[in-house]
Amino acid sequence: QVQLVESGGGLVQAGGSLSLSCAASGRTFSFIAMGWFRQAPGKEREFLAAISRSGSSTRYADSVKGRFTISRDNAKNTVYLQMNSLKPEDTAVYYCAARTSYYSASYYYTAQNDYSYWGQGTQVTVSS
């Protein structure tokens, strides 16, 4: 089992920045691939960013590429999502997700069904 706890959400004005954190426990973090997703009211949950277990590879959705950055600190068992140039349409509940990954250290996952563990979510609200 992997437990995930997100933090860092809140209210920010358009154009501002927020940094989300997701602390993992329960498994060796260096064998866990991580991702961030979000779900806006009335919409499906969507993929935002993924990072391989080593941190050497990342992938972003087109909607956030160039504005969001995913990173991880394996010594702290934590993955981060730095969000810059926020827009009102970024308003959503943000979730981190995890799955064990024992193969290539550079492999990441982008589909929701790839992930076995989910955090409780943190609200991000961007005002115009």
Foldseek 3Di string as FASTA:
>chain_A
DKAKAKDWADEEAAQAKTKMKIAIDDDQQLQKKKFKWWDAPPGDIAGAKTAFSNRPEMDGDPVQPPFWDWGDDSVRRMIMIIGGRDDQVVWTWMKMFMDGHDPDRGDIDGDPVVTDDMYPTDTHGYHD
